[in-house]
């Protein structure tokens, strides 16, 4: 019975690790002054200015650099994970 319990625990741990979303966000923006609506407008504007319609970028891409500079210029602080 004990061996069965360890097997079940091991399987649950394996399935749990295998189901981790590796496409989870790697950064977020914060601002002490912007409302949620202002953030959405600024974020959309910066995405548009960088030539992207998606919130996912390669970290070292030119599009992300343009997007990042735009958000920083609007007073947002970048948090990375």
PDB file of N, CA and C in Angstrom:
ATOM      1  N   UNK A   1       0.817  -1.185   0.000  1.00  0.00           N
ATOM      2  CA  UNK A   1       0.000   0.000   0.000  1.00  0.00           C
ATOM      3  C   UNK A   1       0.870   1.261   0.000  1.00  0.00           C
ATOM      4  N   UNK A   2       1.965   1.242   0.768  1.00  0.00           N
ATOM      5  CA  UNK A   2       2.860   2.391   0.827  1.00  0.00           C
ATOM      6  C   UNK A   2       3.513   2.640  -0.521  1.00  0.00           C
ATOM      7  N   UNK A   3       3.911   1.574  -1.214  1.00  0.00           N
ATOM      8  CA  UNK A   3       4.521   1.722  -2.525  1.00  0.00           C
ATOM      9  C   UNK A   3       3.529   2.336  -3.512  1.00  0.00           C
ATOM     10  N   UNK A   4       2.261   1.925  -3.429  1.00  0.00           N
ATOM     11  CA  UNK A   4       1.223   2.473  -4.284  1.00  0.00           C
ATOM     12  C   UNK A   4       1.064   3.971  -4.031  1.00  0.00           C
ATOM     13  N   UNK A   5       1.098   4.390  -2.768  1.00  0.00           N
ATOM     14  CA  UNK A   5       0.958   5.812  -2.415  1.00  0.00           C
ATOM     15  C   UNK A   5       2.095   6.631  -3.019  1.00  0.00           C
ATOM     16  N   UNK A   6       3.312   6.110  -2.917  1.00  0.00           N
ATOM     17  CA  UNK A   6       4.457   6.824  -3.488  1.00  0.00           C
ATOM     18  C   UNK A   6       4.344   6.914  -5.012  1.00  0.00           C
ATOM     19  N   UNK A   7       3.829   5.861  -5.631  1.00  0.00           N
ATOM     20  CA  UNK A   7       3.645   5.861  -7.081  1.00  0.00           C
ATOM     21  C   UNK A   7       2.627   6.930  -7.487  1.00  0.00           C
ATOM     22  N   UNK A   8       1.526   7.007  -6.762  1.00  0.00           N
ATOM     23  CA  UNK A   8       0.494   7.997  -7.061  1.00  0.00           C
ATOM     24  C   UNK A   8       1.051   9.406  -6.860  1.00  0.00           C
ATOM     25  N   UNK A   9       1.751   9.650  -5.784  1.00  0.00           N
ATOM     26  CA  UNK A   9       2.340  10.962  -5.523  1.00  0.00           C
ATOM     27  C   UNK A   9       3.326  11.336  -6.623  1.00  0.00           C
ATOM     28  N   UNK A  10       4.149  10.381  -7.030  1.00  0.00           N
ATOM     29  CA  UNK A  10       5.115  10.629  -8.101  1.00  0.00           C
ATOM     30  C   UNK A  10       4.430  10.967  -9.409  1.00  0.00           C
ATOM     31  N   UNK A  11       3.351  10.279  -9.729  1.00  0.00           N
ATOM     32  CA  UNK A  11       2.628  10.546 -10.969  1.00  0.00           C
ATOM     33  C   UNK A  11       1.983  11.929 -10.932  1.00  0.00           C
ATOM     34  N   UNK A  12       1.414  12.298  -9.796  1.00  0.00           N
ATOM     35  CA  UNK A  12       0.786  13.620  -9.664  1.00  0.00           C
ATOM     36  C   UNK A  12       1.839  14.705  -9.829  1.00  0.00           C
ATOM     37  N   UNK A  13       2.996  14.524  -9.239  1.00  0.00           N
ATOM     38  CA  UNK A  13       4.065  15.510  -9.366  1.00  0.00           C
ATOM     39  C   UNK A  13       4.536  15.607 -10.814  1.00  0.00           C
ATOM     40  N   UNK A  14       4.658  14.474 -11.496  1.00  0.00           N
ATOM     41  CA  UNK A  14       5.096  14.483 -12.887  1.00  0.00           C
ATOM     42  C   UNK A  14       4.086  15.200 -13.775  1.00  0.00           C
ATOM     43  N   UNK A  15       2.825  14.892 -13.609  1.00  0.00           N
ATOM     44  CA  UNK A  15       1.780  15.528 -14.419  1.00  0.00           C
ATOM     45  C   UNK A  15       1.730  17.019 -14.107  1.00  0.00           C
ATOM     46  N   UNK A  16       1.863  17.383 -12.852  1.00  0.00           N
ATOM     47  CA  UNK A  16       1.856  18.794 -12.470  1.00  0.00           C
ATOM     48  C   UNK A  16       2.998  19.557 -13.107  1.00  0.00           C
ATOM     49  N   UNK A  17       4.173  18.986 -13.117  1.00  0.00           N
ATOM     50  CA  UNK A  17       5.328  19.647 -13.731  1.00  0.00           C
ATOM     51  C   UNK A  17       5.196  19.700 -15.245  1.00  0.00           C
ATOM     52  N   UNK A  18       4.621  18.679 -15.826  1.00  0.00           N
ATOM     53  CA  UNK A  18       4.476  18.640 -17.279  1.00  0.00           C
ATOM     54  C   UNK A  18       3.427  19.628 -17.766  1.00  0.00           C
ATOM     55  N   UNK A  19       2.536  20.052 -16.875  1.00  0.00           N
ATOM     56  CA  UNK A  19       1.466  20.943 -17.310  1.00  0.00           C
ATOM     57  C   UNK A  19       1.769  22.413 -17.043  1.00  0.00           C
ATOM     58  N   UNK A  20       2.984  22.734 -16.640  1.00  0.00           N
ATOM     59  CA  UNK A  20       3.362  24.127 -16.412  1.00  0.00           C
ATOM     60  C   UNK A  20       3.342  24.878 -17.731  1.00  0.00           C
ATOM     61  N   UNK A  21       2.749  26.056 -17.722  1.00  0.00           N
ATOM     62  CA  UNK A  21       2.669  26.883 -18.925  1.00  0.00           C
ATOM     63  C   UNK A  21       3.981  27.629 -19.095  1.00  0.00           C
ATOM     64  N   UNK A  22       4.805  27.175 -20.031  1.00  0.00           N
ATOM     65  CA  UNK A  22       6.098  27.800 -20.257  1.00  0.00           C
ATOM     66  C   UNK A  22       5.984  29.096 -21.055  1.00  0.00           C
ATOM     67  N   UNK A  23       4.778  29.430 -21.478  1.00  0.00           N
ATOM     68  CA  UNK A  23       4.585  30.675 -22.193  1.00  0.00           C
ATOM     69  C   UNK A  23       4.048  31.760 -21.256  1.00  0.00           C
ATOM     70  N   UNK A  24       4.208  31.546 -19.965  1.00  0.00           N
ATOM     71  CA  UNK A  24       3.747  32.521 -18.977  1.00  0.00           C
ATOM     72  C   UNK A  24       4.503  33.838 -19.152  1.00  0.00           C
ATOM     73  N   UNK A  25       3.881  34.927 -18.757  1.00  0.00           N
ATOM     74  CA  UNK A  25       4.537  36.234 -18.910  1.00  0.00           C
ATOM     75  C   UNK A  25       5.898  36.291 -18.212  1.00  0.00           C
ATOM     76  N   UNK A  26       6.804  37.021 -18.809  1.00  0.00           N
ATOM     77  CA  UNK A  26       8.141  37.179 -18.250  1.00  0.00           C
ATOM     78  C   UNK A  26       8.358  38.585 -17.724  1.00  0.00           C
ATOM     79  N   UNK A  27       7.345  39.460 -17.917  1.00  0.00           N
ATOM     80  CA  UNK A  27       7.475  40.829 -17.447  1.00  0.00           C
ATOM     81  C   UNK A  27       6.095  41.432 -17.212  1.00  0.00           C
ATOM     82  N   UNK A  28       6.088  42.546 -16.499  1.00  0.00           N
ATOM     83  CA  UNK A  28       4.867  43.317 -16.324  1.00  0.00           C
ATOM     84  C   UNK A  28       5.259  44.777 -16.161  1.00  0.00           C
ATOM     85  N   UNK A  29       4.280  45.634 -16.256  1.00  0.00           N
ATOM     86  CA  UNK A  29       4.508  47.068 -16.133  1.00  0.00           C
ATOM     87  C   UNK A  29       3.776  47.587 -14.914  1.00  0.00           C
ATOM     88  N   UNK A  30       4.359  48.565 -14.251  1.00  0.00           N
ATOM     89  CA  UNK A  30       3.675  49.185 -13.120  1.00  0.00           C
ATOM     90  C   UNK A  30       3.786  50.696 -13.228  1.00  0.00           C
ATOM     91  N   UNK A  31       2.790  51.355 -12.668  1.00  0.00           N
ATOM     92  CA  UNK A  31       2.765  52.810 -12.657  1.00  0.00           C
ATOM     93  C   UNK A  31       1.988  53.252 -11.435  1.00  0.00           C
ATOM     94  N   UNK A  32       2.502  54.259 -10.758  1.00  0.00           N
ATOM     95  CA  UNK A  32       1.806  54.804  -9.599  1.00  0.00           C
ATOM     96  C   UNK A  32       0.700  55.768 -10.011  1.00  0.00           C
ATOM     97  N   UNK A  33       0.706  56.195 -11.270  1.00  0.00           N
ATOM     98  CA  UNK A  33      -0.228  57.228 -11.698  1.00  0.00           C
ATOM     99  C   UNK A  33      -1.270  56.770 -12.706  1.00  0.00           C
ATOM    100  N   UNK A  34      -0.983  55.768 -13.501  1.00  0.00           N
ATOM    101  CA  UNK A  34      -1.891  55.362 -14.576  1.00  0.00           C
ATOM    102  C   UNK A  34      -3.036  54.504 -14.047  1.00  0.00           C
ATOM    103  N   UNK A  35      -4.226  54.778 -14.545  1.00  0.00           N
ATOM    104  CA  UNK A  35      -5.372  53.921 -14.244  1.00  0.00           C
ATOM    105  C   UNK A  35      -5.308  52.701 -15.153  1.00  0.00           C
ATOM    106  N   UNK A  36      -6.161  51.740 -14.892  1.00  0.00           N
ATOM    107  CA  UNK A  36      -6.202  50.546 -15.729  1.00  0.00           C
ATOM    108  C   UNK A  36      -6.536  50.912 -17.171  1.00  0.00           C
ATOM    109  N   UNK A  37      -7.472  51.820 -17.351  1.00  0.00           N
ATOM    110  CA  UNK A  37      -7.851  52.246 -18.707  1.00  0.00           C
ATOM    111  C   UNK A  37      -6.699  52.952 -19.408  1.00  0.00           C
ATOM    112  N   UNK A  38      -5.989  53.800 -18.685  1.00  0.00           N
ATOM    113  CA  UNK A  38      -4.840  54.494 -19.272  1.00  0.00           C
ATOM    114  C   UNK A  38      -3.749  53.495 -19.652  1.00  0.00           C
ATOM    115  N   UNK A  39      -3.525  52.508 -18.778  1.00  0.00           N
ATOM    116  CA  UNK A  39      -2.535  51.478 -19.080  1.00  0.00           C
ATOM    117  C   UNK A  39      -2.907  50.747 -20.374  1.00  0.00           C
ATOM    118  N   UNK A  40      -4.163  50.349 -20.493  1.00  0.00           N
ATOM    119  CA  UNK A  40      -4.590  49.615 -21.686  1.00  0.00           C
ATOM    120  C   UNK A  40      -4.362  50.442 -22.946  1.00  0.00           C
ATOM    121  N   UNK A  41      -4.714  51.722 -22.890  1.00  0.00           N
ATOM    122  CA  UNK A  41      -4.509  52.589 -24.048  1.00  0.00           C
ATOM    123  C   UNK A  41      -3.023  52.757 -24.365  1.00  0.00           C
ATOM    124  N   UNK A  42      -2.208  52.983 -23.323  1.00  0.00           N
ATOM    125  CA  UNK A  42      -0.764  53.137 -23.528  1.00  0.00           C
ATOM    126  C   UNK A  42      -0.152  51.852 -24.072  1.00  0.00           C
ATOM    127  N   UNK A  43      -0.538  50.719 -23.497  1.00  0.00           N
ATOM    128  CA  UNK A  43      -0.010  49.431 -23.935  1.00  0.00           C
ATOM    129  C   UNK A  43      -0.371  49.178 -25.394  1.00  0.00           C
ATOM    130  N   UNK A  44      -1.621  49.404 -25.757  1.00  0.00           N
ATOM    131  CA  UNK A  44      -2.046  49.203 -27.142  1.00  0.00           C
ATOM    132  C   UNK A  44      -1.283  50.146 -28.075  1.00  0.00           C
ATOM    133  N   UNK A  45      -1.145  51.395 -27.668  1.00  0.00           N
ATOM    134  CA  UNK A  45      -0.414  52.359 -28.498  1.00  0.00           C
ATOM    135  C   UNK A  45       1.026  51.956 -28.716  1.00  0.00           C
ATOM    136  N   UNK A  46       1.685  51.500 -27.655  1.00  0.00           N
ATOM    137  CA  UNK A  46       3.084  51.085 -27.778  1.00  0.00           C
ATOM    138  C   UNK A  46       3.212  49.805 -28.601  1.00  0.00           C
ATOM    139  N   UNK A  47       2.264  48.879 -28.446  1.00  0.00           N
ATOM    140  CA  UNK A  47       2.279  47.678 -29.289  1.00  0.00           C
ATOM    141  C   UNK A  47       2.142  48.076 -30.750  1.00  0.00           C
ATOM    142  N   UNK A  48       1.224  48.975 -31.027  1.00  0.00           N
ATOM    143  CA  UNK A  48       0.988  49.439 -32.390  1.00  0.00           C
ATOM    144  C   UNK A  48       2.230  50.162 -32.940  1.00  0.00           C
ATOM    145  N   UNK A  49       2.828  51.023 -32.133  1.00  0.00           N
ATOM    146  CA  UNK A  49       4.017  51.767 -32.560  1.00  0.00           C
ATOM    147  C   UNK A  49       5.193  50.838 -32.865  1.00  0.00           C
ATOM    148  N   UNK A  50       5.269  49.719 -32.139  1.00  0.00           N
ATOM    149  CA  UNK A  50       6.377  48.783 -32.361  1.00  0.00           C
ATOM    150  C   UNK A  50       6.112  47.856 -33.538  1.00  0.00           C
ATOM    151  N   UNK A  51       4.915  47.949 -34.101  1.00  0.00           N
ATOM    152  CA  UNK A  51       4.588  47.101 -35.246  1.00  0.00           C
ATOM    153  C   UNK A  51       4.107  45.721 -34.860  1.00  0.00           C
ATOM    154  N   UNK A  52       3.645  45.569 -33.635  1.00  0.00           N
ATOM    155  CA  UNK A  52       3.182  44.267 -33.177  1.00  0.00           C
ATOM    156  C   UNK A  52       1.734  44.358 -32.731  1.00  0.00           C
ATOM    157  N   UNK A  53       1.039  43.249 -32.868  1.00  0.00           N
ATOM    158  CA  UNK A  53      -0.325  43.177 -32.365  1.00  0.00           C
ATOM    159  C   UNK A  53      -0.423  42.149 -31.247  1.00  0.00           C
ATOM    160  N   UNK A  54       0.708  41.592 -30.858  1.00  0.00           N
ATOM    161  CA  UNK A  54       0.731  40.576 -29.818  1.00  0.00           C
ATOM    162  C   UNK A  54       1.480  41.082 -28.598  1.00  0.00           C
ATOM    163  N   UNK A  55       1.135  40.549 -27.427  1.00  0.00           N
ATOM    164  CA  UNK A  55       1.803  40.915 -26.191  1.00  0.00           C
ATOM    165  C   UNK A  55       3.059  40.086 -25.942  1.00  0.00           C
ATOM    166  N   UNK A  56       3.375  39.168 -26.819  1.00  0.00           N
ATOM    167  CA  UNK A  56       4.534  38.300 -26.613  1.00  0.00           C
ATOM    168  C   UNK A  56       5.633  38.663 -27.590  1.00  0.00           C
ATOM    169  N   UNK A  57       6.814  38.837 -27.042  1.00  0.00           N
ATOM    170  CA  UNK A  57       7.974  39.199 -27.841  1.00  0.00           C
ATOM    171  C   UNK A  57       9.139  38.305 -27.464  1.00  0.00           C
ATOM    172  N   UNK A  58      10.075  38.177 -28.362  1.00  0.00           N
ATOM    173  CA  UNK A  58      11.367  37.610 -28.003  1.00  0.00           C
ATOM    174  C   UNK A  58      12.077  38.702 -27.210  1.00  0.00           C
ATOM    175  N   UNK A  59      12.704  38.325 -26.110  1.00  0.00           N
ATOM    176  CA  UNK A  59      13.314  39.302 -25.195  1.00  0.00           C
ATOM    177  C   UNK A  59      14.293  40.248 -25.879  1.00  0.00           C
ATOM    178  N   UNK A  60      15.067  39.755 -26.795  1.00  0.00           N
ATOM    179  CA  UNK A  60      16.098  40.567 -27.429  1.00  0.00           C
ATOM    180  C   UNK A  60      15.680  41.126 -28.788  1.00  0.00           C
ATOM    181  N   UNK A  61      14.406  41.022 -29.134  1.00  0.00           N
ATOM    182  CA  UNK A  61      13.972  41.461 -30.451  1.00  0.00           C
ATOM    183  C   UNK A  61      13.918  42.983 -30.555  1.00  0.00           C
ATOM    184  N   UNK A  62      14.000  43.463 -31.779  1.00  0.00           N
ATOM    185  CA  UNK A  62      13.912  44.897 -32.034  1.00  0.00           C
ATOM    186  C   UNK A  62      12.519  45.417 -31.671  1.00  0.00           C
ATOM    187  N   UNK A  63      11.492  44.614 -31.941  1.00  0.00           N
ATOM    188  CA  UNK A  63      10.129  45.026 -31.599  1.00  0.00           C
ATOM    189  C   UNK A  63       9.977  45.224 -30.093  1.00  0.00           C
ATOM    190  N   UNK A  64      10.536  44.299 -29.303  1.00  0.00           N
ATOM    191  CA  UNK A  64      10.424  44.455 -27.853  1.00  0.00           C
ATOM    192  C   UNK A  64      11.176  45.696 -27.396  1.00  0.00           C
ATOM    193  N   UNK A  65      12.326  45.964 -27.970  1.00  0.00           N
ATOM    194  CA  UNK A  65      13.088  47.161 -27.593  1.00  0.00           C
ATOM    195  C   UNK A  65      12.281  48.427 -27.859  1.00  0.00           C
ATOM    196  N   UNK A  66      11.623  48.486 -29.021  1.00  0.00           N
ATOM    197  CA  UNK A  66      10.797  49.650 -29.348  1.00  0.00           C
ATOM    198  C   UNK A  66       9.603  49.759 -28.402  1.00  0.00           C
ATOM    199  N   UNK A  67       8.967  48.633 -28.142  1.00  0.00           N
ATOM    200  CA  UNK A  67       7.825  48.594 -27.225  1.00  0.00           C
ATOM    201  C   UNK A  67       8.256  49.032 -25.827  1.00  0.00           C
ATOM    202  N   UNK A  68       9.378  48.497 -25.356  1.00  0.00           N
ATOM    203  CA  UNK A  68       9.884  48.819 -24.024  1.00  0.00           C
ATOM    204  C   UNK A  68      10.198  50.309 -23.902  1.00  0.00           C
ATOM    205  N   UNK A  69      10.882  50.873 -24.875  1.00  0.00           N
ATOM    206  CA  UNK A  69      11.215  52.291 -24.837  1.00  0.00           C
ATOM    207  C   UNK A  69       9.956  53.154 -24.819  1.00  0.00           C
ATOM    208  N   UNK A  70       8.953  52.762 -25.570  1.00  0.00           N
ATOM    209  CA  UNK A  70       7.695  53.490 -25.593  1.00  0.00           C
ATOM    210  C   UNK A  70       7.039  53.462 -24.210  1.00  0.00           C
ATOM    211  N   UNK A  71       6.951  52.294 -23.600  1.00  0.00           N
ATOM    212  CA  UNK A  71       6.317  52.178 -22.274  1.00  0.00           C
ATOM    213  C   UNK A  71       7.113  52.947 -21.219  1.00  0.00           C
ATOM    214  N   UNK A  72       8.433  52.872 -21.284  1.00  0.00           N
ATOM    215  CA  UNK A  72       9.265  53.618 -20.341  1.00  0.00           C
ATOM    216  C   UNK A  72       9.057  55.123 -20.508  1.00  0.00           C
ATOM    217  N   UNK A  73       8.923  55.573 -21.743  1.00  0.00           N
ATOM    218  CA  UNK A  73       8.728  57.000 -21.993  1.00  0.00           C
ATOM    219  C   UNK A  73       7.381  57.499 -21.466  1.00  0.00           C
ATOM    220  N   UNK A  74       6.452  56.595 -21.273  1.00  0.00           N
ATOM    221  CA  UNK A  74       5.131  56.949 -20.747  1.00  0.00           C
ATOM    222  C   UNK A  74       5.086  56.861 -19.223  1.00  0.00           C
ATOM    223  N   UNK A  75       6.222  56.535 -18.610  1.00  0.00           N
ATOM    224  CA  UNK A  75       6.322  56.545 -17.153  1.00  0.00           C
ATOM    225  C   UNK A  75       6.093  55.208 -16.465  1.00  0.00           C
ATOM    226  N   UNK A  76       6.094  54.125 -17.209  1.00  0.00           N
ATOM    227  CA  UNK A  76       5.895  52.806 -16.603  1.00  0.00           C
ATOM    228  C   UNK A  76       7.241  52.209 -16.201  1.00  0.00           C
ATOM    229  N   UNK A  77       7.221  51.424 -15.146  1.00  0.00           N
ATOM    230  CA  UNK A  77       8.417  50.715 -14.694  1.00  0.00           C
ATOM    231  C   UNK A  77       8.303  49.261 -15.128  1.00  0.00           C
ATOM    232  N   UNK A  78       9.380  48.721 -15.662  1.00  0.00           N
ATOM    233  CA  UNK A  78       9.403  47.336 -16.133  1.00  0.00           C
ATOM    234  C   UNK A  78       9.803  46.416 -15.004  1.00  0.00           C
ATOM    235  N   UNK A  79       9.005  45.361 -14.793  1.00  0.00           N
ATOM    236  CA  UNK A  79       9.334  44.309 -13.826  1.00  0.00           C
ATOM    237  C   UNK A  79       9.547  43.037 -14.605  1.00  0.00           C
ATOM    238  N   UNK A  80      10.665  42.373 -14.364  1.00  0.00           N
ATOM    239  CA  UNK A  80      10.938  41.101 -15.042  1.00  0.00           C
ATOM    240  C   UNK A  80      10.916  39.974 -14.025  1.00  0.00           C
ATOM    241  N   UNK A  81      10.620  38.778 -14.512  1.00  0.00           N
ATOM    242  CA  UNK A  81      10.523  37.588 -13.647  1.00  0.00           C
ATOM    243  C   UNK A  81      11.564  36.590 -14.027  1.00  0.00           C
TER     244      UNK A  81
END
